[in-house]
Amino acid sequence: GSHDSFSYWVDEKSPVGPDQATAIKRLARISLVKKIMKKWSVTQNLTFKEQLEGGIRYFDLRVSSKPGEIGQEIYFIHGLFGIKVWEGLKEINTFLEQHPKEVVFLDFNHFYAMDDSHHFFLINRIRSAFGSKLCSVECVEYVTLEYMWEKKHQVLIFYHYPLYQEYSFLWPGNKMPAPWANTTNVHKLLQFLETTLEERSRYGTFHVSQAILTPQVKTIARHLIRGLKNTLVHRNLPMILNWVKAQKPGVMGVNIITSDFVELVDFAATVIALNDLLLEEDQSTT
């Protein structure tokens, strides 16, 4: 999985997003501030298509309306506005059309400046983009690849807003817990990932290990110009990847792992390779 999956492009010319504090919005009237914000808002370099081609199958999505804009159009957001959600959904659907056995998880987990009418607009966009590819809510343990192929389903949508109850194809957010370490310290992060794996509920949900470091205000103040990638990601990714390599998949192990800048190390290939351990287990039991 990728963290803030859509943030490969953000619009410096647009207003600052409603996910930001009032003080930041005031500061952002200075054009240099938006340039600095961009360095800390972008957490991926690859487009959806490039991420899919690189093996990413779980997408972490934050969305917002543009306050003051006429209509209900919804955009991806992370400090600054990204592309229209509709554009991203179409890009993902094109990949799925070309690869009918691939399955993706789209996790809509943060909504800003959206009332119910915006949600209805977005949900209709999701239905228009994917149609019969959408997998209805099921007992998590039933949803194997075989099940998906048989039903010709390719998309699971997780929707962290009460309206999910009105649609059979919207999975509740609590089926996709993603505990967040909120630290700049790689050792604290790895300890947190270990602890939350131990606490992982045994049945009934998927589980996201967010292998990401989060800048604090003082981090940004000290390293304004360097940005997220040069300050936190480059230096710590090798250690994070070593943790990933040591994991086991399965009921009490890792399930979905997300990272920033997924192409900087062989992140996706490393996560995918963990599945071979499950095959080895199967062979040893048979």
C-alpha atoms as a PDB file:
ATOM      1  CA  GLY A   1       0.000   0.000   0.000  1.00  0.00           C
ATOM      2  CA  SER A   2       0.963   3.647  -0.376  1.00  0.00           C
ATOM      3  CA  HIS A   3       0.397   6.389   2.202  1.00  0.00           C
ATOM      4  CA  ASP A   4      -1.430   9.525   0.943  1.00  0.00           C
ATOM      5  CA  SER A   5      -1.484   7.688  -2.362  1.00  0.00           C
ATOM      6  CA  PHE A   6      -2.648  10.593  -4.552  1.00  0.00           C
ATOM      7  CA  SER A   7      -0.214  13.232  -3.326  1.00  0.00           C
ATOM      8  CA  TYR A   8       2.203  12.906  -6.267  1.00  0.00           C
ATOM      9  CA  TRP A   9       0.717  16.158  -7.586  1.00  0.00           C
ATOM     10  CA  VAL A  10      -0.634  19.061  -5.556  1.00  0.00           C
ATOM     11  CA  ASP A  11      -1.728  22.418  -6.869  1.00  0.00           C
ATOM     12  CA  GLU A  12       0.352  25.317  -5.534  1.00  0.00           C
ATOM     13  CA  LYS A  13      -2.044  27.754  -7.231  1.00  0.00           C
ATOM     14  CA  SER A  14      -5.133  26.508  -5.405  1.00  0.00           C
ATOM     15  CA  PRO A  15      -6.127  27.743  -1.956  1.00  0.00           C
ATOM     16  CA  VAL A  16      -4.772  25.840   1.060  1.00  0.00           C
ATOM     17  CA  GLY A  17      -7.059  22.919   1.917  1.00  0.00           C
ATOM     18  CA  PRO A  18      -9.667  22.859   4.697  1.00  0.00           C
ATOM     19  CA  ASP A  19      -7.529  20.165   6.380  1.00  0.00           C
ATOM     20  CA  GLN A  20      -5.110  22.912   7.507  1.00  0.00           C
ATOM     21  CA  ALA A  21      -5.175  25.200  10.558  1.00  0.00           C
ATOM     22  CA  THR A  22      -6.301  28.828  10.167  1.00  0.00           C
ATOM     23  CA  ALA A  23      -2.770  30.105  10.910  1.00  0.00           C
ATOM     24  CA  ILE A  24      -1.364  28.083   7.987  1.00  0.00           C
ATOM     25  CA  LYS A  25      -4.096  29.419   5.676  1.00  0.00           C
ATOM     26  CA  ARG A  26      -3.110  32.982   6.611  1.00  0.00           C
ATOM     27  CA  LEU A  27       0.606  32.298   6.102  1.00  0.00           C
ATOM     28  CA  ALA A  28      -0.061  30.652   2.750  1.00  0.00           C
ATOM     29  CA  ARG A  29      -0.965  34.011   1.253  1.00  0.00           C
ATOM     30  CA  ILE A  30       2.820  34.331   0.878  1.00  0.00           C
ATOM     31  CA  SER A  31       3.683  32.373  -2.263  1.00  0.00           C
ATOM     32  CA  LEU A  32       6.905  30.915  -0.807  1.00  0.00           C
ATOM     33  CA  VAL A  33       4.873  29.253   1.983  1.00  0.00           C
ATOM     34  CA  LYS A  34       2.959  27.150  -0.549  1.00  0.00           C
ATOM     35  CA  LYS A  35       6.218  26.026  -2.156  1.00  0.00           C
ATOM     36  CA  ILE A  36       7.420  24.861   1.268  1.00  0.00           C
ATOM     37  CA  MET A  37       4.047  23.232   1.982  1.00  0.00           C
ATOM     38  CA  LYS A  38       4.374  21.271  -1.243  1.00  0.00           C
ATOM     39  CA  LYS A  39       7.700  19.800  -0.074  1.00  0.00           C
ATOM     40  CA  TRP A  40       5.922  18.433   3.012  1.00  0.00           C
ATOM     41  CA  SER A  41       2.556  17.547   1.392  1.00  0.00           C
ATOM     42  CA  VAL A  42       3.898  15.308  -1.371  1.00  0.00           C
ATOM     43  CA  THR A  43       4.428  11.768  -0.017  1.00  0.00           C
ATOM     44  CA  GLN A  44       4.547   9.889  -3.364  1.00  0.00           C
ATOM     45  CA  ASN A  45       6.329  10.471  -6.669  1.00  0.00           C
ATOM     46  CA  LEU A  46       4.356   7.986  -8.770  1.00  0.00           C
ATOM     47  CA  THR A  47       0.920   8.408 -10.398  1.00  0.00           C
ATOM     48  CA  PHE A  48      -1.834   5.870  -9.693  1.00  0.00           C
ATOM     49  CA  LYS A  49      -0.955   4.017 -12.919  1.00  0.00           C
ATOM     50  CA  GLU A  50       2.743   3.888 -12.012  1.00  0.00           C
ATOM     51  CA  GLN A  51       1.957   2.740  -8.463  1.00  0.00           C
ATOM     52  CA  LEU A  52      -0.321  -0.009  -9.799  1.00  0.00           C
ATOM     53  CA  GLU A  53       2.334  -1.127 -12.270  1.00  0.00           C
ATOM     54  CA  GLY A  54       4.827  -1.198  -9.377  1.00  0.00           C
ATOM     55  CA  GLY A  55       2.662  -3.573  -7.333  1.00  0.00           C
ATOM     56  CA  ILE A  56       0.708  -1.199  -5.052  1.00  0.00           C
ATOM     57  CA  ARG A  57      -2.819  -2.497  -4.395  1.00  0.00           C
ATOM     58  CA  TYR A  58      -3.992  -0.508  -1.343  1.00  0.00           C
ATOM     59  CA  PHE A  59      -4.600   3.250  -1.694  1.00  0.00           C
ATOM     60  CA  ASP A  60      -4.958   5.658   1.234  1.00  0.00           C
ATOM     61  CA  LEU A  61      -7.310   8.452   0.106  1.00  0.00           C
ATOM     62  CA  ARG A  62      -8.165  11.835   1.649  1.00  0.00           C
ATOM     63  CA  VAL A  63     -10.737  13.926  -0.133  1.00  0.00           C
ATOM     64  CA  SER A  64     -12.360  17.355   0.020  1.00  0.00           C
ATOM     65  CA  SER A  65     -14.685  19.723  -1.743  1.00  0.00           C
ATOM     66  CA  LYS A  66     -13.266  23.139  -2.690  1.00  0.00           C
ATOM     67  CA  PRO A  67     -15.056  25.649  -0.465  1.00  0.00           C
ATOM     68  CA  GLY A  68     -16.557  28.417  -2.580  1.00  0.00           C
ATOM     69  CA  GLU A  69     -16.594  26.340  -5.772  1.00  0.00           C
ATOM     70  CA  ILE A  70     -19.987  25.832  -7.431  1.00  0.00           C
ATOM     71  CA  GLY A  71     -21.114  22.184  -7.653  1.00  0.00           C
ATOM     72  CA  GLN A  72     -20.103  19.127  -5.654  1.00  0.00           C
ATOM     73  CA  GLU A  73     -16.771  18.270  -7.308  1.00  0.00           C
ATOM     74  CA  ILE A  74     -14.428  16.343  -4.978  1.00  0.00           C
ATOM     75  CA  TYR A  75     -10.605  16.496  -4.998  1.00  0.00           C
ATOM     76  CA  PHE A  76      -7.819  14.565  -3.337  1.00  0.00           C
ATOM     77  CA  ILE A  77      -6.156  16.629  -0.635  1.00  0.00           C
ATOM     78  CA  HIS A  78      -3.079  16.743   1.578  1.00  0.00           C
ATOM     79  CA  GLY A  79      -2.495  20.314   2.708  1.00  0.00           C
ATOM     80  CA  LEU A  80      -2.963  21.442  -0.898  1.00  0.00           C
ATOM     81  CA  PHE A  81      -5.524  20.195  -3.409  1.00  0.00           C
ATOM     82  CA  GLY A  82      -4.631  17.357  -5.759  1.00  0.00           C
ATOM     83  CA  ILE A  83      -6.378  16.040  -8.863  1.00  0.00           C
ATOM     84  CA  LYS A  84     -10.146  15.449  -9.098  1.00  0.00           C
ATOM     85  CA  VAL A  85     -11.119  12.138  -7.508  1.00  0.00           C
ATOM     86  CA  TRP A  86     -12.957  11.203 -10.719  1.00  0.00           C
ATOM     87  CA  GLU A  87      -9.694  11.411 -12.711  1.00  0.00           C
ATOM     88  CA  GLY A  88      -7.961   9.080 -10.263  1.00  0.00           C
ATOM     89  CA  LEU A  89     -10.822   6.562 -10.264  1.00  0.00           C
ATOM     90  CA  LYS A  90     -10.802   6.446 -14.067  1.00  0.00           C
ATOM     91  CA  GLU A  91      -7.040   5.856 -14.096  1.00  0.00           C
ATOM     92  CA  ILE A  92      -7.408   2.947 -11.645  1.00  0.00           C
ATOM     93  CA  ASN A  93     -10.324   1.491 -13.610  1.00  0.00           C
ATOM     94  CA  THR A  94      -8.325   1.563 -16.873  1.00  0.00           C
ATOM     95  CA  PHE A  95      -5.647  -0.565 -15.186  1.00  0.00           C
ATOM     96  CA  LEU A  96      -8.275  -3.008 -13.870  1.00  0.00           C
ATOM     97  CA  GLU A  97      -9.828  -3.341 -17.342  1.00  0.00           C
ATOM     98  CA  GLN A  98      -6.423  -4.353 -18.675  1.00  0.00           C
ATOM     99  CA  HIS A  99      -5.717  -6.727 -15.732  1.00  0.00           C
ATOM    100  CA  PRO A 100      -8.998  -8.524 -14.892  1.00  0.00           C
ATOM    101  CA  LYS A 101      -7.475 -10.667 -12.126  1.00  0.00           C
ATOM    102  CA  GLU A 102      -6.047  -7.745 -10.129  1.00  0.00           C
ATOM    103  CA  VAL A 103      -7.823  -6.493  -6.980  1.00  0.00           C
ATOM    104  CA  VAL A 104      -7.457  -3.068  -5.327  1.00  0.00           C
ATOM    105  CA  PHE A 105      -8.456  -1.625  -1.948  1.00  0.00           C
ATOM    106  CA  LEU A 106      -9.523   2.046  -1.935  1.00  0.00           C
ATOM    107  CA  ASP A 107      -9.653   3.446   1.588  1.00  0.00           C
ATOM    108  CA  PHE A 108     -11.525   6.774   1.800  1.00  0.00           C
ATOM    109  CA  ASN A 109     -10.573   7.649   5.374  1.00  0.00           C
ATOM    110  CA  HIS A 110     -10.525  11.467   5.645  1.00  0.00           C
ATOM    111  CA  PHE A 111     -13.236  13.829   4.375  1.00  0.00           C
ATOM    112  CA  TYR A 112     -13.060  17.642   4.517  1.00  0.00           C
ATOM    113  CA  ALA A 113     -15.652  20.347   3.786  1.00  0.00           C
ATOM    114  CA  MET A 114     -18.200  17.698   2.729  1.00  0.00           C
ATOM    115  CA  ASP A 115     -21.884  17.490   3.611  1.00  0.00           C
ATOM    116  CA  ASP A 116     -24.171  14.581   2.640  1.00  0.00           C
ATOM    117  CA  SER A 117     -24.758  15.991  -0.852  1.00  0.00           C
ATOM    118  CA  HIS A 118     -20.986  15.872  -1.508  1.00  0.00           C
ATOM    119  CA  HIS A 119     -20.893  12.295  -0.235  1.00  0.00           C
ATOM    120  CA  PHE A 120     -23.761  11.246  -2.508  1.00  0.00           C
ATOM    121  CA  PHE A 121     -21.923  12.858  -5.433  1.00  0.00           C
ATOM    122  CA  LEU A 122     -18.686  11.011  -4.580  1.00  0.00           C
ATOM    123  CA  ILE A 123     -20.406   7.659  -4.000  1.00  0.00           C
ATOM    124  CA  ASN A 124     -22.144   7.959  -7.379  1.00  0.00           C
ATOM    125  CA  ARG A 125     -18.764   8.704  -8.980  1.00  0.00           C
ATOM    126  CA  ILE A 126     -17.343   5.531  -7.395  1.00  0.00           C
ATOM    127  CA  ARG A 127     -20.288   3.492  -8.701  1.00  0.00           C
ATOM    128  CA  SER A 128     -19.977   5.041 -12.191  1.00  0.00           C
ATOM    129  CA  ALA A 129     -16.227   4.343 -12.325  1.00  0.00           C
ATOM    130  CA  PHE A 130     -16.282   0.685 -11.274  1.00  0.00           C
ATOM    131  CA  GLY A 131     -19.851  -0.671 -11.676  1.00  0.00           C
ATOM    132  CA  SER A 132     -19.964  -4.461 -11.326  1.00  0.00           C
ATOM    133  CA  LYS A 133     -16.277  -4.586 -10.273  1.00  0.00           C
ATOM    134  CA  LEU A 134     -17.323  -3.389  -6.787  1.00  0.00           C
ATOM    135  CA  CYS A 135     -17.310  -6.112  -4.142  1.00  0.00           C
ATOM    136  CA  SER A 136     -20.217  -6.029  -1.669  1.00  0.00           C
ATOM    137  CA  VAL A 137     -19.538  -6.192   2.051  1.00  0.00           C
ATOM    138  CA  GLU A 138     -18.862  -9.760   3.113  1.00  0.00           C
ATOM    139  CA  CYS A 139     -17.299 -11.611   6.007  1.00  0.00           C
ATOM    140  CA  VAL A 140     -13.608 -10.684   5.560  1.00  0.00           C
ATOM    141  CA  GLU A 141     -12.474 -14.320   5.672  1.00  0.00           C
ATOM    142  CA  TYR A 142     -14.647 -15.216   2.650  1.00  0.00           C
ATOM    143  CA  VAL A 143     -13.029 -12.645   0.385  1.00  0.00           C
ATOM    144  CA  THR A 144     -10.300 -14.706  -1.238  1.00  0.00           C
ATOM    145  CA  LEU A 145      -8.872 -14.037  -4.686  1.00  0.00           C
ATOM    146  CA  GLU A 146     -10.796 -17.089  -5.887  1.00  0.00           C
ATOM    147  CA  TYR A 147     -14.036 -15.552  -4.594  1.00  0.00           C
ATOM    148  CA  MET A 148     -13.233 -12.238  -6.312  1.00  0.00           C
ATOM    149  CA  TRP A 149     -12.384 -13.913  -9.634  1.00  0.00           C
ATOM    150  CA  GLU A 150     -15.533 -16.019  -9.564  1.00  0.00           C
ATOM    151  CA  LYS A 151     -17.720 -12.933  -8.984  1.00  0.00           C
ATOM    152  CA  LYS A 152     -15.612 -10.783 -11.378  1.00  0.00           C
ATOM    153  CA  HIS A 153     -15.095  -8.262  -8.554  1.00  0.00           C
ATOM    154  CA  GLN A 154     -11.915  -6.179  -8.448  1.00  0.00           C
ATOM    155  CA  VAL A 155     -12.519  -3.268  -6.034  1.00  0.00           C
ATOM    156  CA  LEU A 156     -13.135  -3.046  -2.288  1.00  0.00           C
ATOM    157  CA  ILE A 157     -14.126   0.446  -1.120  1.00  0.00           C
ATOM    158  CA  PHE A 158     -13.705   1.390   2.559  1.00  0.00           C
ATOM    159  CA  TYR A 159     -15.736   4.459   3.517  1.00  0.00           C
ATOM    160  CA  HIS A 160     -15.198   6.093   6.914  1.00  0.00           C
ATOM    161  CA  TYR A 161     -18.494   7.979   7.046  1.00  0.00           C
ATOM    162  CA  PRO A 162     -21.948   6.805   8.276  1.00  0.00           C
ATOM    163  CA  LEU A 163     -23.482   6.846   4.769  1.00  0.00           C
ATOM    164  CA  TYR A 164     -21.668   3.561   4.041  1.00  0.00           C
ATOM    165  CA  GLN A 165     -24.696   1.863   5.676  1.00  0.00           C
ATOM    166  CA  GLU A 166     -26.889   2.781   2.704  1.00  0.00           C
ATOM    167  CA  TYR A 167     -24.743   1.055   0.045  1.00  0.00           C
ATOM    168  CA  SER A 168     -23.919  -2.641  -0.172  1.00  0.00           C
ATOM    169  CA  PHE A 169     -20.579  -1.906  -1.891  1.00  0.00           C
ATOM    170  CA  LEU A 170     -19.212   0.430   0.810  1.00  0.00           C
ATOM    171  CA  TRP A 171     -17.259  -1.387   3.501  1.00  0.00           C
ATOM    172  CA  PRO A 172     -17.271   0.322   6.922  1.00  0.00           C
ATOM    173  CA  GLY A 173     -14.054   2.035   7.949  1.00  0.00           C
ATOM    174  CA  ASN A 174     -13.752  -0.190  11.030  1.00  0.00           C
ATOM    175  CA  LYS A 175     -13.052  -3.134   8.700  1.00  0.00           C
ATOM    176  CA  MET A 176      -9.758  -1.402   7.783  1.00  0.00           C
ATOM    177  CA  PRO A 177      -8.049  -0.283  11.022  1.00  0.00           C
ATOM    178  CA  ALA A 178      -4.808   1.624  10.369  1.00  0.00           C
ATOM    179  CA  PRO A 179      -3.178   2.567  13.689  1.00  0.00           C
ATOM    180  CA  TRP A 180      -0.897   5.587  13.348  1.00  0.00           C
ATOM    181  CA  ALA A 181       2.396   5.982  15.270  1.00  0.00           C
ATOM    182  CA  ASN A 182       2.610   9.778  14.762  1.00  0.00           C
ATOM    183  CA  THR A 183       6.365   9.912  15.425  1.00  0.00           C
ATOM    184  CA  THR A 184       9.573  11.089  13.750  1.00  0.00           C
ATOM    185  CA  ASN A 185      11.612   8.423  15.581  1.00  0.00           C
ATOM    186  CA  VAL A 186      12.158   5.246  13.564  1.00  0.00           C
ATOM    187  CA  HIS A 187      12.752   3.098  16.685  1.00  0.00           C
ATOM    188  CA  LYS A 188       9.464   4.275  18.229  1.00  0.00           C
ATOM    189  CA  LEU A 189       7.740   3.586  14.903  1.00  0.00           C
ATOM    190  CA  LEU A 190       9.003  -0.008  14.718  1.00  0.00           C
ATOM    191  CA  GLN A 191       8.045  -0.619  18.366  1.00  0.00           C
ATOM    192  CA  PHE A 192       4.563   0.750  17.625  1.00  0.00           C
ATOM    193  CA  LEU A 193       4.206  -1.497  14.562  1.00  0.00           C
ATOM    194  CA  GLU A 194       5.178  -4.540  16.660  1.00  0.00           C
ATOM    195  CA  THR A 195       2.732  -3.644  19.447  1.00  0.00           C
ATOM    196  CA  THR A 196      -0.208  -2.983  17.123  1.00  0.00           C
ATOM    197  CA  LEU A 197       0.421  -6.270  15.321  1.00  0.00           C
ATOM    198  CA  GLU A 198       0.239  -8.080  18.652  1.00  0.00           C
ATOM    199  CA  GLU A 199      -3.049  -6.307  19.390  1.00  0.00           C
ATOM    200  CA  ARG A 200      -4.477  -7.021  15.937  1.00  0.00           C
ATOM    201  CA  SER A 201      -7.994  -8.409  16.252  1.00  0.00           C
ATOM    202  CA  ARG A 202      -7.842 -12.033  15.245  1.00  0.00           C
ATOM    203  CA  TYR A 203     -10.832 -12.121  12.910  1.00  0.00           C
ATOM    204  CA  GLY A 204     -13.182  -9.901  11.018  1.00  0.00           C
ATOM    205  CA  THR A 205     -11.013  -7.048   9.753  1.00  0.00           C
ATOM    206  CA  PHE A 206      -8.165  -6.240   7.435  1.00  0.00           C
ATOM    207  CA  HIS A 207      -5.220  -4.425   9.048  1.00  0.00           C
ATOM    208  CA  VAL A 208      -2.860  -1.664   7.880  1.00  0.00           C
ATOM    209  CA  SER A 209       0.675  -1.322   9.270  1.00  0.00           C
ATOM    210  CA  GLN A 210       1.550   2.318   8.536  1.00  0.00           C
ATOM    211  CA  ALA A 211       5.337   2.145   8.144  1.00  0.00           C
ATOM    212  CA  ILE A 212       5.609   5.927   7.956  1.00  0.00           C
ATOM    213  CA  LEU A 213       7.240   8.720   9.953  1.00  0.00           C
ATOM    214  CA  THR A 214       5.221  11.876  10.565  1.00  0.00           C
ATOM    215  CA  PRO A 215       6.867  15.328  10.739  1.00  0.00           C
ATOM    216  CA  GLN A 216       6.008  17.450  13.783  1.00  0.00           C
ATOM    217  CA  VAL A 217       5.780  21.251  13.574  1.00  0.00           C
ATOM    218  CA  LYS A 218       9.341  21.586  14.927  1.00  0.00           C
ATOM    219  CA  THR A 219      10.610  19.081  12.310  1.00  0.00           C
ATOM    220  CA  ILE A 220       9.199  21.246   9.542  1.00  0.00           C
ATOM    221  CA  ALA A 221      10.516  24.452  11.180  1.00  0.00           C
ATOM    222  CA  ARG A 222      14.053  23.022  11.411  1.00  0.00           C
ATOM    223  CA  HIS A 223      14.146  21.577   7.897  1.00  0.00           C
ATOM    224  CA  LEU A 224      11.838  23.935   5.985  1.00  0.00           C
ATOM    225  CA  ILE A 225      13.492  23.709   2.586  1.00  0.00           C
ATOM    226  CA  ARG A 226      14.544  20.052   2.699  1.00  0.00           C
ATOM    227  CA  GLY A 227      11.017  18.648   2.782  1.00  0.00           C
ATOM    228  CA  LEU A 228       9.671  15.291   3.956  1.00  0.00           C
ATOM    229  CA  LYS A 229      11.639  13.025   1.627  1.00  0.00           C
ATOM    230  CA  ASN A 230      15.082  14.449   2.408  1.00  0.00           C
ATOM    231  CA  THR A 231      14.465  14.944   6.139  1.00  0.00           C
ATOM    232  CA  LEU A 232      12.715  11.748   7.253  1.00  0.00           C
ATOM    233  CA  VAL A 233      12.182   9.255   4.458  1.00  0.00           C
ATOM    234  CA  HIS A 234      15.551   8.712   2.731  1.00  0.00           C
ATOM    235  CA  ARG A 235      17.433   8.222   5.988  1.00  0.00           C
ATOM    236  CA  ASN A 236      15.012   5.795   7.637  1.00  0.00           C
ATOM    237  CA  LEU A 237      13.576   3.728   4.793  1.00  0.00           C
ATOM    238  CA  PRO A 238      16.329   1.047   4.886  1.00  0.00           C
ATOM    239  CA  MET A 239      15.609   0.318   8.575  1.00  0.00           C
ATOM    240  CA  ILE A 240      11.844   0.258   7.913  1.00  0.00           C
ATOM    241  CA  LEU A 241      12.404  -2.135   5.006  1.00  0.00           C
ATOM    242  CA  ASN A 242      14.449  -4.440   7.239  1.00  0.00           C
ATOM    243  CA  TRP A 243      11.462  -4.607   9.610  1.00  0.00           C
ATOM    244  CA  VAL A 244       9.186  -5.489   6.671  1.00  0.00           C
ATOM    245  CA  LYS A 245      11.556  -8.283   5.566  1.00  0.00           C
ATOM    246  CA  ALA A 246      11.388  -9.837   9.039  1.00  0.00           C
ATOM    247  CA  GLN A 247       7.574 -10.075   9.056  1.00  0.00           C
ATOM    248  CA  LYS A 248       5.283 -13.029   8.450  1.00  0.00           C
ATOM    249  CA  PRO A 249       1.883 -12.707   6.779  1.00  0.00           C
ATOM    250  CA  GLY A 250      -1.225 -14.549   7.920  1.00  0.00           C
ATOM    251  CA  VAL A 251      -3.815 -14.288  10.673  1.00  0.00           C
ATOM    252  CA  MET A 252      -1.542 -12.936  13.427  1.00  0.00           C
ATOM    253  CA  GLY A 253       1.008 -11.353  11.087  1.00  0.00           C
ATOM    254  CA  VAL A 254       1.122  -8.412   8.720  1.00  0.00           C
ATOM    255  CA  ASN A 255      -1.686  -7.826   6.238  1.00  0.00           C
ATOM    256  CA  ILE A 256      -1.309  -4.483   4.402  1.00  0.00           C
ATOM    257  CA  ILE A 257       1.823  -2.336   4.798  1.00  0.00           C
ATOM    258  CA  THR A 258       1.963   1.297   3.631  1.00  0.00           C
ATOM    259  CA  SER A 259       4.960   3.528   2.961  1.00  0.00           C
ATOM    260  CA  ASP A 260       5.842   6.982   1.648  1.00  0.00           C
ATOM    261  CA  PHE A 261       7.697   7.217  -1.682  1.00  0.00           C
ATOM    262  CA  VAL A 262       7.160   3.544  -2.459  1.00  0.00           C
ATOM    263  CA  GLU A 263       9.655   3.547  -5.348  1.00  0.00           C
ATOM    264  CA  LEU A 264      12.714   4.656  -3.316  1.00  0.00           C
ATOM    265  CA  VAL A 265      13.498   1.082  -2.211  1.00  0.00           C
ATOM    266  CA  ASP A 266      12.098  -2.219  -3.480  1.00  0.00           C
ATOM    267  CA  PHE A 267       9.201  -1.781  -1.053  1.00  0.00           C
ATOM    268  CA  ALA A 268       6.364  -3.376  -3.056  1.00  0.00           C
ATOM    269  CA  ALA A 269       8.495  -6.330  -4.178  1.00  0.00           C
ATOM    270  CA  THR A 270       9.569  -6.937  -0.550  1.00  0.00           C
ATOM    271  CA  VAL A 271       5.983  -6.912   0.739  1.00  0.00           C
ATOM    272  CA  ILE A 272       4.739  -9.118  -2.115  1.00  0.00           C
ATOM    273  CA  ALA A 273       7.551 -11.625  -1.481  1.00  0.00           C
ATOM    274  CA  LEU A 274       6.231 -12.192   2.080  1.00  0.00           C
ATOM    275  CA  ASN A 275       3.355 -14.139   0.500  1.00  0.00           C
ATOM    276  CA  ASP A 276       5.837 -16.854  -0.453  1.00  0.00           C
ATOM    277  CA  LEU A 277       6.044 -17.695   3.269  1.00  0.00           C
ATOM    278  CA  LEU A 278       2.353 -18.621   3.175  1.00  0.00           C
ATOM    279  CA  LEU A 279       2.998 -20.947   0.239  1.00  0.00           C
ATOM    280  CA  GLU A 280       5.857 -22.598   2.147  1.00  0.00           C
ATOM    281  CA  GLU A 281       3.525 -23.125   5.122  1.00  0.00           C
ATOM    282  CA  ASP A 282       0.904 -24.717   2.850  1.00  0.00           C
ATOM    283  CA  GLN A 283       3.489 -27.070   1.380  1.00  0.00           C
ATOM    284  CA  SER A 284       4.812 -28.090   4.796  1.00  0.00           C
ATOM    285  CA  THR A 285       1.305 -28.868   6.104  1.00  0.00           C
ATOM    286  CA  THR A 286       0.429 -30.925   3.020  1.00  0.00           C
END
